[in-house]
Amino acid sequence: MSCTSPGSVHQLAAFASTLLGRRLMYPSVQDRAVAELIADECCIVADEAYGVSELLAVPCPGGGGENRWKDSDNFHQSASRIHTEQAFGMLVWRWGVFWRPLRVPNRKRPNLIRA
């Protein structure tokens, strides 16, 4: 969770402004945790808004077209992301505080969201 970017900021810009985003998008050899993920061939499935890196798997551009392998890869990535998208939807509807813009000072928003 990061409250450093307003909702109007593009996903990639908001992600890149966080320490986790920078660690995953620009892996460093000195970062032991990231190096272990790469060595174990692990990745995080992201949507089209993010750039591909050694740790971020994004769909093939253009939807795969007539290439059935790319199309299958896009389908499986989408299927793995759908549960996360549904969970965020349930969070929003569960707590009415997320139904409209937060009308508290910026410095108090992280604590409100965490609560």
PDB file of N, CA and C in Angstrom:
ATOM      1  N   MET A   1       0.838  -1.175   0.000  1.00  0.00           N
ATOM      2  CA  MET A   1       0.000   0.000   0.000  1.00  0.00           C
ATOM      3  C   MET A   1       0.884   1.240   0.000  1.00  0.00           C
ATOM      4  N   SER A   2       0.530   2.195  -0.811  1.00  0.00           N
ATOM      5  CA  SER A   2       1.260   3.451  -0.846  1.00  0.00           C
ATOM      6  C   SER A   2       0.260   4.588  -1.014  1.00  0.00           C
ATOM      7  N   CYS A   3       0.373   5.565  -0.173  1.00  0.00           N
ATOM      8  CA  CYS A   3      -0.505   6.732  -0.247  1.00  0.00           C
ATOM      9  C   CYS A   3       0.245   7.954  -0.754  1.00  0.00           C
ATOM     10  N   THR A   4       1.345   7.734  -1.437  1.00  0.00           N
ATOM     11  CA  THR A   4       2.158   8.856  -1.894  1.00  0.00           C
ATOM     12  C   THR A   4       1.695   9.422  -3.222  1.00  0.00           C
ATOM     13  N   SER A   5       0.799   8.726  -3.922  1.00  0.00           N
ATOM     14  CA  SER A   5       0.347   9.188  -5.230  1.00  0.00           C
ATOM     15  C   SER A   5      -1.167   9.339  -5.228  1.00  0.00           C
ATOM     16  N   PRO A   6      -1.686  10.423  -5.814  1.00  0.00           N
ATOM     17  CA  PRO A   6      -3.143  10.567  -5.911  1.00  0.00           C
ATOM     18  C   PRO A   6      -3.730   9.562  -6.895  1.00  0.00           C
ATOM     19  N   GLY A   7      -5.021   9.350  -6.823  1.00  0.00           N
ATOM     20  CA  GLY A   7      -5.684   8.364  -7.675  1.00  0.00           C
ATOM     21  C   GLY A   7      -5.584   8.649  -9.159  1.00  0.00           C
ATOM     22  N   SER A   8      -5.328   9.901  -9.532  1.00  0.00           N
ATOM     23  CA  SER A   8      -5.259  10.248 -10.947  1.00  0.00           C
ATOM     24  C   SER A   8      -3.916   9.894 -11.588  1.00  0.00           C
ATOM     25  N   VAL A   9      -2.943   9.469 -10.798  1.00  0.00           N
ATOM     26  CA  VAL A   9      -1.618   9.128 -11.320  1.00  0.00           C
ATOM     27  C   VAL A   9      -1.675   7.755 -11.989  1.00  0.00           C
ATOM     28  N   HIS A  10      -0.981   7.616 -13.098  1.00  0.00           N
ATOM     29  CA  HIS A  10      -0.916   6.339 -13.809  1.00  0.00           C
ATOM     30  C   HIS A  10      -0.345   5.268 -12.896  1.00  0.00           C
ATOM     31  N   GLN A  11      -0.834   4.042 -13.026  1.00  0.00           N
ATOM     32  CA  GLN A  11      -0.403   2.928 -12.177  1.00  0.00           C
ATOM     33  C   GLN A  11       1.111   2.756 -12.166  1.00  0.00           C
ATOM     34  N   LEU A  12       1.719   2.824 -13.325  1.00  0.00           N
ATOM     35  CA  LEU A  12       3.160   2.614 -13.415  1.00  0.00           C
ATOM     36  C   LEU A  12       3.923   3.701 -12.661  1.00  0.00           C
ATOM     37  N   ALA A  13       3.480   4.951 -12.774  1.00  0.00           N
ATOM     38  CA  ALA A  13       4.151   6.045 -12.069  1.00  0.00           C
ATOM     39  C   ALA A  13       4.001   5.876 -10.554  1.00  0.00           C
ATOM     40  N   ALA A  14       2.822   5.483 -10.105  1.00  0.00           N
ATOM     41  CA  ALA A  14       2.610   5.273  -8.666  1.00  0.00           C
ATOM     42  C   ALA A  14       3.457   4.109  -8.166  1.00  0.00           C
ATOM     43  N   PHE A  15       3.501   3.031  -8.927  1.00  0.00           N
ATOM     44  CA  PHE A  15       4.281   1.853  -8.547  1.00  0.00           C
ATOM     45  C   PHE A  15       5.766   2.177  -8.501  1.00  0.00           C
ATOM     46  N   ALA A  16       6.242   2.912  -9.498  1.00  0.00           N
ATOM     47  CA  ALA A  16       7.670   3.257  -9.581  1.00  0.00           C
ATOM     48  C   ALA A  16       8.090   4.214  -8.472  1.00  0.00           C
ATOM     49  N   SER A  17       7.139   4.911  -7.855  1.00  0.00           N
ATOM     50  CA  SER A  17       7.492   5.839  -6.784  1.00  0.00           C
ATOM     51  C   SER A  17       7.680   5.134  -5.440  1.00  0.00           C
ATOM     52  N   THR A  18       7.367   3.846  -5.374  1.00  0.00           N
ATOM     53  CA  THR A  18       7.532   3.100  -4.126  1.00  0.00           C
ATOM     54  C   THR A  18       8.858   2.349  -4.128  1.00  0.00           C
ATOM     55  N   LEU A  19       9.354   2.041  -2.951  1.00  0.00           N
ATOM     56  CA  LEU A  19      10.598   1.280  -2.836  1.00  0.00           C
ATOM     57  C   LEU A  19      10.432  -0.108  -3.456  1.00  0.00           C
ATOM     58  N   LEU A  20       9.294  -0.763  -3.171  1.00  0.00           N
ATOM     59  CA  LEU A  20       9.045  -2.085  -3.751  1.00  0.00           C
ATOM     60  C   LEU A  20       9.033  -2.017  -5.271  1.00  0.00           C
ATOM     61  N   GLY A  21       8.374  -1.009  -5.824  1.00  0.00           N
ATOM     62  CA  GLY A  21       8.321  -0.860  -7.274  1.00  0.00           C
ATOM     63  C   GLY A  21       9.691  -0.707  -7.890  1.00  0.00           C
ATOM     64  N   ARG A  22      10.520   0.119  -7.277  1.00  0.00           N
ATOM     65  CA  ARG A  22      11.879   0.307  -7.804  1.00  0.00           C
ATOM     66  C   ARG A  22      12.699  -0.972  -7.685  1.00  0.00           C
ATOM     67  N   ARG A  23      12.513  -1.703  -6.592  1.00  0.00           N
ATOM     68  CA  ARG A  23      13.265  -2.960  -6.412  1.00  0.00           C
ATOM     69  C   ARG A  23      12.869  -4.000  -7.453  1.00  0.00           C
ATOM     70  N   LEU A  24      11.580  -4.040  -7.806  1.00  0.00           N
ATOM     71  CA  LEU A  24      11.112  -5.056  -8.750  1.00  0.00           C
ATOM     72  C   LEU A  24      11.349  -4.654 -10.202  1.00  0.00           C
ATOM     73  N   MET A  25      11.234  -3.369 -10.498  1.00  0.00           N
ATOM     74  CA  MET A  25      11.400  -2.926 -11.879  1.00  0.00           C
ATOM     75  C   MET A  25      12.866  -2.826 -12.292  1.00  0.00           C
ATOM     76  N   TYR A  26      13.719  -2.479 -11.329  1.00  0.00           N
ATOM     77  CA  TYR A  26      15.141  -2.306 -11.617  1.00  0.00           C
ATOM     78  C   TYR A  26      15.940  -3.140 -10.622  1.00  0.00           C
ATOM     79  N   PRO A  27      15.921  -4.470 -10.776  1.00  0.00           N
ATOM     80  CA  PRO A  27      16.593  -5.326  -9.800  1.00  0.00           C
ATOM     81  C   PRO A  27      18.084  -5.055  -9.718  1.00  0.00           C
ATOM     82  N   SER A  28      18.582  -5.106  -8.491  1.00  0.00           N
ATOM     83  CA  SER A  28      20.001  -4.888  -8.232  1.00  0.00           C
ATOM     84  C   SER A  28      20.642  -6.199  -7.795  1.00  0.00           C
ATOM     85  N   VAL A  29      21.862  -6.399  -8.198  1.00  0.00           N
ATOM     86  CA  VAL A  29      22.593  -7.610  -7.828  1.00  0.00           C
ATOM     87  C   VAL A  29      22.810  -7.650  -6.316  1.00  0.00           C
ATOM     88  N   GLN A  30      22.921  -6.488  -5.691  1.00  0.00           N
ATOM     89  CA  GLN A  30      23.159  -6.429  -4.254  1.00  0.00           C
ATOM     90  C   GLN A  30      21.905  -6.740  -3.439  1.00  0.00           C
ATOM     91  N   ASP A  31      20.730  -6.669  -4.047  1.00  0.00           N
ATOM     92  CA  ASP A  31      19.477  -6.929  -3.333  1.00  0.00           C
ATOM     93  C   ASP A  31      19.273  -8.436  -3.226  1.00  0.00           C
ATOM     94  N   ARG A  32      19.550  -8.993  -2.071  1.00  0.00           N
ATOM     95  CA  ARG A  32      19.547 -10.451  -1.892  1.00  0.00           C
ATOM     96  C   ARG A  32      18.162 -11.063  -2.140  1.00  0.00           C
ATOM     97  N   ALA A  33      17.102 -10.430  -1.621  1.00  0.00           N
ATOM     98  CA  ALA A  33      15.754 -10.982  -1.784  1.00  0.00           C
ATOM     99  C   ALA A  33      15.361 -11.040  -3.257  1.00  0.00           C
ATOM    100  N   VAL A  34      15.650  -9.977  -3.991  1.00  0.00           N
ATOM    101  CA  VAL A  34      15.335  -9.940  -5.419  1.00  0.00           C
ATOM    102  C   VAL A  34      16.178 -10.959  -6.171  1.00  0.00           C
ATOM    103  N   ALA A  35      17.462 -11.077  -5.814  1.00  0.00           N
ATOM    104  CA  ALA A  35      18.344 -12.049  -6.468  1.00  0.00           C
ATOM    105  C   ALA A  35      17.832 -13.475  -6.255  1.00  0.00           C
ATOM    106  N   GLU A  36      17.317 -13.770  -5.061  1.00  0.00           N
ATOM    107  CA  GLU A  36      16.765 -15.096  -4.795  1.00  0.00           C
ATOM    108  C   GLU A  36      15.506 -15.362  -5.624  1.00  0.00           C
ATOM    109  N   LEU A  37      14.652 -14.359  -5.763  1.00  0.00           N
ATOM    110  CA  LEU A  37      13.460 -14.522  -6.598  1.00  0.00           C
ATOM    111  C   LEU A  37      13.833 -14.821  -8.043  1.00  0.00           C
ATOM    112  N   ILE A  38      14.828 -14.094  -8.556  1.00  0.00           N
ATOM    113  CA  ILE A  38      15.273 -14.313  -9.935  1.00  0.00           C
ATOM    114  C   ILE A  38      15.886 -15.699 -10.070  1.00  0.00           C
ATOM    115  N   ALA A  39      16.706 -16.107  -9.114  1.00  0.00           N
ATOM    116  CA  ALA A  39      17.347 -17.426  -9.168  1.00  0.00           C
ATOM    117  C   ALA A  39      16.316 -18.549  -9.105  1.00  0.00           C
ATOM    118  N   ASP A  40      15.240 -18.339  -8.347  1.00  0.00           N
ATOM    119  CA  ASP A  40      14.173 -19.342  -8.234  1.00  0.00           C
ATOM    120  C   ASP A  40      13.177 -19.270  -9.388  1.00  0.00           C
ATOM    121  N   GLU A  41      13.441 -18.367 -10.349  1.00  0.00           N
ATOM    122  CA  GLU A  41      12.587 -18.163 -11.518  1.00  0.00           C
ATOM    123  C   GLU A  41      11.164 -17.793 -11.131  1.00  0.00           C
ATOM    124  N   CYS A  42      11.023 -16.960 -10.094  1.00  0.00           N
ATOM    125  CA  CYS A  42       9.720 -16.462  -9.660  1.00  0.00           C
ATOM    126  C   CYS A  42       9.449 -15.132 -10.353  1.00  0.00           C
ATOM    127  N   CYS A  43       8.174 -14.820 -10.501  1.00  0.00           N
ATOM    128  CA  CYS A  43       7.814 -13.530 -11.066  1.00  0.00           C
ATOM    129  C   CYS A  43       6.473 -13.088 -10.491  1.00  0.00           C
ATOM    130  N   ILE A  44       6.179 -11.835 -10.661  1.00  0.00           N
ATOM    131  CA  ILE A  44       4.905 -11.261 -10.254  1.00  0.00           C
ATOM    132  C   ILE A  44       4.143 -10.939 -11.524  1.00  0.00           C
ATOM    133  N   VAL A  45       2.910 -11.384 -11.591  1.00  0.00           N
ATOM    134  CA  VAL A  45       2.087 -11.159 -12.775  1.00  0.00           C
ATOM    135  C   VAL A  45       1.468  -9.768 -12.661  1.00  0.00           C
ATOM    136  N   ALA A  46       1.701  -8.940 -13.667  1.00  0.00           N
ATOM    137  CA  ALA A  46       1.190  -7.575 -13.677  1.00  0.00           C
ATOM    138  C   ALA A  46       0.359  -7.363 -14.941  1.00  0.00           C
ATOM    139  N   ASP A  47      -0.348  -6.241 -14.995  1.00  0.00           N
ATOM    140  CA  ASP A  47      -1.136  -5.981 -16.205  1.00  0.00           C
ATOM    141  C   ASP A  47      -0.340  -5.134 -17.187  1.00  0.00           C
ATOM    142  N   GLU A  48      -0.996  -4.710 -18.258  1.00  0.00           N
ATOM    143  CA  GLU A  48      -0.316  -4.035 -19.360  1.00  0.00           C
ATOM    144  C   GLU A  48       0.296  -2.697 -18.971  1.00  0.00           C
ATOM    145  N   ALA A  49      -0.139  -2.119 -17.845  1.00  0.00           N
ATOM    146  CA  ALA A  49       0.350  -0.808 -17.442  1.00  0.00           C
ATOM    147  C   ALA A  49       1.816  -0.840 -17.027  1.00  0.00           C
ATOM    148  N   TYR A  50       2.326  -2.008 -16.680  1.00  0.00           N
ATOM    149  CA  TYR A  50       3.684  -2.130 -16.169  1.00  0.00           C
ATOM    150  C   TYR A  50       4.629  -2.625 -17.252  1.00  0.00           C
ATOM    151  N   GLY A  51       5.876  -2.275 -17.119  1.00  0.00           N
ATOM    152  CA  GLY A  51       6.879  -2.742 -18.067  1.00  0.00           C
ATOM    153  C   GLY A  51       7.415  -4.094 -17.638  1.00  0.00           C
ATOM    154  N   VAL A  52       7.788  -4.893 -18.591  1.00  0.00           N
ATOM    155  CA  VAL A  52       8.333  -6.205 -18.289  1.00  0.00           C
ATOM    156  C   VAL A  52       9.729  -6.044 -17.703  1.00  0.00           C
ATOM    157  N   SER A  53      10.043  -6.864 -16.712  1.00  0.00           N
ATOM    158  CA  SER A  53      11.388  -6.913 -16.144  1.00  0.00           C
ATOM    159  C   SER A  53      11.654  -8.368 -15.773  1.00  0.00           C
ATOM    160  N   GLU A  54      12.774  -8.617 -15.141  1.00  0.00           N
ATOM    161  CA  GLU A  54      13.084  -9.993 -14.755  1.00  0.00           C
ATOM    162  C   GLU A  54      12.094 -10.532 -13.728  1.00  0.00           C
ATOM    163  N   LEU A  55      11.416  -9.645 -13.014  1.00  0.00           N
ATOM    164  CA  LEU A  55      10.478 -10.078 -11.979  1.00  0.00           C
ATOM    165  C   LEU A  55       9.028  -9.772 -12.286  1.00  0.00           C
ATOM    166  N   LEU A  56       8.756  -8.978 -13.313  1.00  0.00           N
ATOM    167  CA  LEU A  56       7.376  -8.633 -13.659  1.00  0.00           C
ATOM    168  C   LEU A  56       7.003  -9.283 -14.987  1.00  0.00           C
ATOM    169  N   ALA A  57       5.975 -10.116 -14.953  1.00  0.00           N
ATOM    170  CA  ALA A  57       5.467 -10.740 -16.170  1.00  0.00           C
ATOM    171  C   ALA A  57       4.224  -9.973 -16.609  1.00  0.00           C
ATOM    172  N   VAL A  58       4.254  -9.446 -17.812  1.00  0.00           N
ATOM    173  CA  VAL A  58       3.114  -8.695 -18.344  1.00  0.00           C
ATOM    174  C   VAL A  58       2.628  -9.368 -19.624  1.00  0.00           C
ATOM    175  N   PRO A  59       1.355  -9.150 -19.987  1.00  0.00           N
ATOM    176  CA  PRO A  59       0.830  -9.776 -21.207  1.00  0.00           C
ATOM    177  C   PRO A  59       1.570  -9.320 -22.458  1.00  0.00           C
ATOM    178  N   CYS A  60       1.511 -10.154 -23.469  1.00  0.00           N
ATOM    179  CA  CYS A  60       2.110  -9.810 -24.760  1.00  0.00           C
ATOM    180  C   CYS A  60       1.311  -8.674 -25.383  1.00  0.00           C
ATOM    181  N   PRO A  61       1.976  -7.694 -25.968  1.00  0.00           N
ATOM    182  CA  PRO A  61       1.245  -6.592 -26.592  1.00  0.00           C
ATOM    183  C   PRO A  61       0.412  -7.070 -27.772  1.00  0.00           C
ATOM    184  N   GLY A  62      -0.727  -6.440 -27.940  1.00  0.00           N
ATOM    185  CA  GLY A  62      -1.590  -6.782 -29.067  1.00  0.00           C
ATOM    186  C   GLY A  62      -2.469  -7.998 -28.823  1.00  0.00           C
ATOM    187  N   GLY A  63      -2.511  -8.502 -27.612  1.00  0.00           N
ATOM    188  CA  GLY A  63      -3.398  -9.617 -27.282  1.00  0.00           C
ATOM    189  C   GLY A  63      -2.963 -10.970 -27.802  1.00  0.00           C
ATOM    190  N   GLY A  64      -1.798 -11.107 -28.332  1.00  0.00           N
ATOM    191  CA  GLY A  64      -1.335 -12.409 -28.805  1.00  0.00           C
ATOM    192  C   GLY A  64      -1.625 -12.652 -30.261  1.00  0.00           C
ATOM    193  N   GLY A  65      -2.651 -11.994 -30.794  1.00  0.00           N
ATOM    194  CA  GLY A  65      -2.976 -12.143 -32.217  1.00  0.00           C
ATOM    195  C   GLY A  65      -3.212 -13.583 -32.617  1.00  0.00           C
ATOM    196  N   GLU A  66      -2.572 -14.003 -33.682  1.00  0.00           N
ATOM    197  CA  GLU A  66      -2.757 -15.363 -34.189  1.00  0.00           C
ATOM    198  C   GLU A  66      -1.751 -16.344 -33.607  1.00  0.00           C
ATOM    199  N   ASN A  67      -0.876 -15.877 -32.749  1.00  0.00           N
ATOM    200  CA  ASN A  67       0.089 -16.755 -32.108  1.00  0.00           C
ATOM    201  C   ASN A  67      -0.584 -17.400 -30.894  1.00  0.00           C
ATOM    202  N   ARG A  68      -0.874 -18.679 -30.981  1.00  0.00           N
ATOM    203  CA  ARG A  68      -1.645 -19.329 -29.916  1.00  0.00           C
ATOM    204  C   ARG A  68      -0.875 -19.414 -28.604  1.00  0.00           C
ATOM    205  N   TRP A  69       0.454 -19.429 -28.650  1.00  0.00           N
ATOM    206  CA  TRP A  69       1.243 -19.483 -27.418  1.00  0.00           C
ATOM    207  C   TRP A  69       1.157 -18.166 -26.670  1.00  0.00           C
ATOM    208  N   LYS A  70       1.273 -17.051 -27.402  1.00  0.00           N
ATOM    209  CA  LYS A  70       1.132 -15.741 -26.768  1.00  0.00           C
ATOM    210  C   LYS A  70      -0.293 -15.542 -26.258  1.00  0.00           C
ATOM    211  N   ASP A  71      -1.266 -15.981 -27.045  1.00  0.00           N
ATOM    212  CA  ASP A  71      -2.667 -15.860 -26.641  1.00  0.00           C
ATOM    213  C   ASP A  71      -2.928 -16.667 -25.368  1.00  0.00           C
ATOM    214  N   SER A  72      -2.377 -17.873 -25.293  1.00  0.00           N
ATOM    215  CA  SER A  72      -2.533 -18.719 -24.111  1.00  0.00           C
ATOM    216  C   SER A  72      -1.856 -18.085 -22.904  1.00  0.00           C
ATOM    217  N   ASP A  73      -0.660 -17.530 -23.103  1.00  0.00           N
ATOM    218  CA  ASP A  73       0.051 -16.867 -22.019  1.00  0.00           C
ATOM    219  C   ASP A  73      -0.764 -15.692 -21.487  1.00  0.00           C
ATOM    220  N   ASN A  74      -1.321 -14.882 -22.380  1.00  0.00           N
ATOM    221  CA  ASN A  74      -2.155 -13.753 -21.967  1.00  0.00           C
ATOM    222  C   ASN A  74      -3.372 -14.229 -21.186  1.00  0.00           C
ATOM    223  N   PHE A  75      -4.002 -15.298 -21.642  1.00  0.00           N
ATOM    224  CA  PHE A  75      -5.184 -15.833 -20.958  1.00  0.00           C
ATOM    225  C   PHE A  75      -4.831 -16.266 -19.535  1.00  0.00           C
ATOM    226  N   HIS A  76      -3.732 -17.006 -19.382  1.00  0.00           N
ATOM    227  CA  HIS A  76      -3.370 -17.517 -18.063  1.00  0.00           C
ATOM    228  C   HIS A  76      -2.949 -16.386 -17.115  1.00  0.00           C
ATOM    229  N   GLN A  77      -2.284 -15.382 -17.650  1.00  0.00           N
ATOM    230  CA  GLN A  77      -1.941 -14.234 -16.808  1.00  0.00           C
ATOM    231  C   GLN A  77      -3.191 -13.508 -16.344  1.00  0.00           C
ATOM    232  N   SER A  78      -4.126 -13.323 -17.250  1.00  0.00           N
ATOM    233  CA  SER A  78      -5.374 -12.660 -16.889  1.00  0.00           C
ATOM    234  C   SER A  78      -6.136 -13.465 -15.840  1.00  0.00           C
ATOM    235  N   ALA A  79      -6.165 -14.767 -16.000  1.00  0.00           N
ATOM    236  CA  ALA A  79      -6.869 -15.632 -15.050  1.00  0.00           C
ATOM    237  C   ALA A  79      -6.237 -15.558 -13.659  1.00  0.00           C
ATOM    238  N   SER A  80      -4.930 -15.385 -13.589  1.00  0.00           N
ATOM    239  CA  SER A  80      -4.274 -15.316 -12.282  1.00  0.00           C
ATOM    240  C   SER A  80      -4.472 -13.952 -11.621  1.00  0.00           C
ATOM    241  N   ARG A  81      -4.688 -12.906 -12.411  1.00  0.00           N
ATOM    242  CA  ARG A  81      -4.902 -11.570 -11.850  1.00  0.00           C
ATOM    243  C   ARG A  81      -6.337 -11.333 -11.413  1.00  0.00           C
ATOM    244  N   ILE A  82      -7.289 -12.044 -11.973  1.00  0.00           N
ATOM    245  CA  ILE A  82      -8.693 -11.746 -11.740  1.00  0.00           C
ATOM    246  C   ILE A  82      -9.070 -11.856 -10.270  1.00  0.00           C
ATOM    247  N   HIS A  83      -8.468 -12.783  -9.543  1.00  0.00           N
ATOM    248  CA  HIS A  83      -8.807 -12.955  -8.132  1.00  0.00           C
ATOM    249  C   HIS A  83      -8.362 -11.747  -7.308  1.00  0.00           C
ATOM    250  N   THR A  84      -7.219 -11.179  -7.647  1.00  0.00           N
ATOM    251  CA  THR A  84      -6.757  -9.978  -6.953  1.00  0.00           C
ATOM    252  C   THR A  84      -7.687  -8.809  -7.248  1.00  0.00           C
ATOM    253  N   GLU A  85      -8.078  -8.654  -8.503  1.00  0.00           N
ATOM    254  CA  GLU A  85      -9.008  -7.580  -8.882  1.00  0.00           C
ATOM    255  C   GLU A  85     -10.331  -7.738  -8.136  1.00  0.00           C
ATOM    256  N   GLN A  86     -10.828  -8.960  -8.023  1.00  0.00           N
ATOM    257  CA  GLN A  86     -12.076  -9.200  -7.300  1.00  0.00           C
ATOM    258  C   GLN A  86     -11.932  -8.866  -5.817  1.00  0.00           C
ATOM    259  N   ALA A  87     -10.777  -9.184  -5.237  1.00  0.00           N
ATOM    260  CA  ALA A  87     -10.556  -8.888  -3.824  1.00  0.00           C
ATOM    261  C   ALA A  87     -10.586  -7.380  -3.572  1.00  0.00           C
ATOM    262  N   PHE A  88      -9.970  -6.595  -4.462  1.00  0.00           N
ATOM    263  CA  PHE A  88     -10.011  -5.148  -4.296  1.00  0.00           C
ATOM    264  C   PHE A  88     -11.446  -4.634  -4.441  1.00  0.00           C
ATOM    265  N   GLY A  89     -12.196  -5.198  -5.358  1.00  0.00           N
ATOM    266  CA  GLY A  89     -13.599  -4.806  -5.505  1.00  0.00           C
ATOM    267  C   GLY A  89     -14.393  -5.090  -4.237  1.00  0.00           C
ATOM    268  N   MET A  90     -14.144  -6.230  -3.604  1.00  0.00           N
ATOM    269  CA  MET A  90     -14.843  -6.567  -2.361  1.00  0.00           C
ATOM    270  C   MET A  90     -14.434  -5.618  -1.233  1.00  0.00           C
ATOM    271  N   LEU A  91     -13.158  -5.236  -1.189  1.00  0.00           N
ATOM    272  CA  LEU A  91     -12.717  -4.281  -0.173  1.00  0.00           C
ATOM    273  C   LEU A  91     -13.428  -2.943  -0.315  1.00  0.00           C
ATOM    274  N   VAL A  92     -13.518  -2.468  -1.553  1.00  0.00           N
ATOM    275  CA  VAL A  92     -14.158  -1.177  -1.798  1.00  0.00           C
ATOM    276  C   VAL A  92     -15.618  -1.210  -1.358  1.00  0.00           C
ATOM    277  N   TRP A  93     -16.339  -2.267  -1.702  1.00  0.00           N
ATOM    278  CA  TRP A  93     -17.757  -2.344  -1.346  1.00  0.00           C
ATOM    279  C   TRP A  93     -17.977  -2.681   0.115  1.00  0.00           C
ATOM    280  N   ARG A  94     -17.033  -3.311   0.744  1.00  0.00           N
ATOM    281  CA  ARG A  94     -17.174  -3.675   2.163  1.00  0.00           C
ATOM    282  C   ARG A  94     -17.138  -2.443   3.064  1.00  0.00           C
ATOM    283  N   TRP A  95     -16.212  -1.522   2.761  1.00  0.00           N
ATOM    284  CA  TRP A  95     -16.062  -0.335   3.583  1.00  0.00           C
ATOM    285  C   TRP A  95     -16.468   0.902   2.804  1.00  0.00           C
ATOM    286  N   GLY A  96     -17.513   1.548   3.282  1.00  0.00           N
ATOM    287  CA  GLY A  96     -18.062   2.732   2.615  1.00  0.00           C
ATOM    288  C   GLY A  96     -17.099   3.895   2.537  1.00  0.00           C
ATOM    289  N   VAL A  97     -16.046   3.885   3.354  1.00  0.00           N
ATOM    290  CA  VAL A  97     -15.099   4.991   3.326  1.00  0.00           C
ATOM    291  C   VAL A  97     -14.428   5.098   1.953  1.00  0.00           C
ATOM    292  N   PHE A  98     -14.392   4.010   1.199  1.00  0.00           N
ATOM    293  CA  PHE A  98     -13.762   4.026  -0.124  1.00  0.00           C
ATOM    294  C   PHE A  98     -14.735   4.374  -1.253  1.00  0.00           C
ATOM    295  N   TRP A  99     -15.995   4.633  -0.940  1.00  0.00           N
ATOM    296  CA  TRP A  99     -16.990   4.897  -1.978  1.00  0.00           C
ATOM    297  C   TRP A  99     -16.860   6.280  -2.604  1.00  0.00           C
ATOM    298  N   ARG A 100     -16.195   7.175  -1.911  1.00  0.00           N
ATOM    299  CA  ARG A 100     -16.034   8.540  -2.436  1.00  0.00           C
ATOM    300  C   ARG A 100     -14.645   9.045  -2.044  1.00  0.00           C
ATOM    301  N   PRO A 101     -14.238  10.184  -2.574  1.00  0.00           N
ATOM    302  CA  PRO A 101     -12.900  10.688  -2.229  1.00  0.00           C
ATOM    303  C   PRO A 101     -12.729  10.854  -0.717  1.00  0.00           C
ATOM    304  N   LEU A 102     -11.541  10.544  -0.233  1.00  0.00           N
ATOM    305  CA  LEU A 102     -11.249  10.696   1.195  1.00  0.00           C
ATOM    306  C   LEU A 102     -11.138  12.183   1.529  1.00  0.00           C
ATOM    307  N   ARG A 103     -11.935  12.614   2.472  1.00  0.00           N
ATOM    308  CA  ARG A 103     -11.945  14.037   2.838  1.00  0.00           C
ATOM    309  C   ARG A 103     -11.239  14.239   4.175  1.00  0.00           C
ATOM    310  N   VAL A 104     -10.015  13.767   4.228  1.00  0.00           N
ATOM    311  CA  VAL A 104      -9.150  13.978   5.388  1.00  0.00           C
ATOM    312  C   VAL A 104      -7.819  14.488   4.866  1.00  0.00           C
ATOM    313  N   PRO A 105      -7.059  15.171   5.704  1.00  0.00           N
ATOM    314  CA  PRO A 105      -5.747  15.667   5.248  1.00  0.00           C
ATOM    315  C   PRO A 105      -4.863  14.522   4.749  1.00  0.00           C
ATOM    316  N   ASN A 106      -4.019  14.830   3.783  1.00  0.00           N
ATOM    317  CA  ASN A 106      -3.144  13.815   3.190  1.00  0.00           C
ATOM    318  C   ASN A 106      -2.327  13.063   4.230  1.00  0.00           C
ATOM    319  N   ARG A 107      -1.854  13.735   5.254  1.00  0.00           N
ATOM    320  CA  ARG A 107      -1.010  13.083   6.250  1.00  0.00           C
ATOM    321  C   ARG A 107      -1.769  12.063   7.082  1.00  0.00           C
ATOM    322  N   LYS A 108      -3.116  12.155   7.113  1.00  0.00           N
ATOM    323  CA  LYS A 108      -3.922  11.210   7.900  1.00  0.00           C
ATOM    324  C   LYS A 108      -4.466  10.042   7.060  1.00  0.00           C
ATOM    325  N   ARG A 109      -4.350  10.133   5.753  1.00  0.00           N
ATOM    326  CA  ARG A 109      -4.915   9.083   4.883  1.00  0.00           C
ATOM    327  C   ARG A 109      -4.291   7.696   5.066  1.00  0.00           C
ATOM    328  N   PRO A 110      -2.971   7.587   5.183  1.00  0.00           N
ATOM    329  CA  PRO A 110      -2.406   6.233   5.377  1.00  0.00           C
ATOM    330  C   PRO A 110      -2.978   5.514   6.605  1.00  0.00           C
ATOM    331  N   ASN A 111      -3.082   6.240   7.723  1.00  0.00           N
ATOM    332  CA  ASN A 111      -3.625   5.620   8.936  1.00  0.00           C
ATOM    333  C   ASN A 111      -5.096   5.249   8.769  1.00  0.00           C
ATOM    334  N   LEU A 112      -5.859   6.101   8.084  1.00  0.00           N
ATOM    335  CA  LEU A 112      -7.269   5.797   7.838  1.00  0.00           C
ATOM    336  C   LEU A 112      -7.416   4.540   6.991  1.00  0.00           C
ATOM    337  N   ILE A 113      -6.625   4.433   5.948  1.00  0.00           N
ATOM    338  CA  ILE A 113      -6.700   3.263   5.058  1.00  0.00           C
ATOM    339  C   ILE A 113      -6.233   2.012   5.796  1.00  0.00           C
ATOM    340  N   ARG A 114      -5.174   2.118   6.572  1.00  0.00           N
ATOM    341  CA  ARG A 114      -4.703   0.967   7.332  1.00  0.00           C
ATOM    342  C   ARG A 114      -5.753   0.491   8.343  1.00  0.00           C
ATOM    343  N   ALA A 115      -6.433   1.456   8.972  1.00  0.00           N
ATOM    344  CA  ALA A 115      -7.469   1.091   9.956  1.00  0.00           C
ATOM    345  C   ALA A 115      -8.604   0.368   9.267  1.00  0.00           C
TER     346      ALA A 115
END
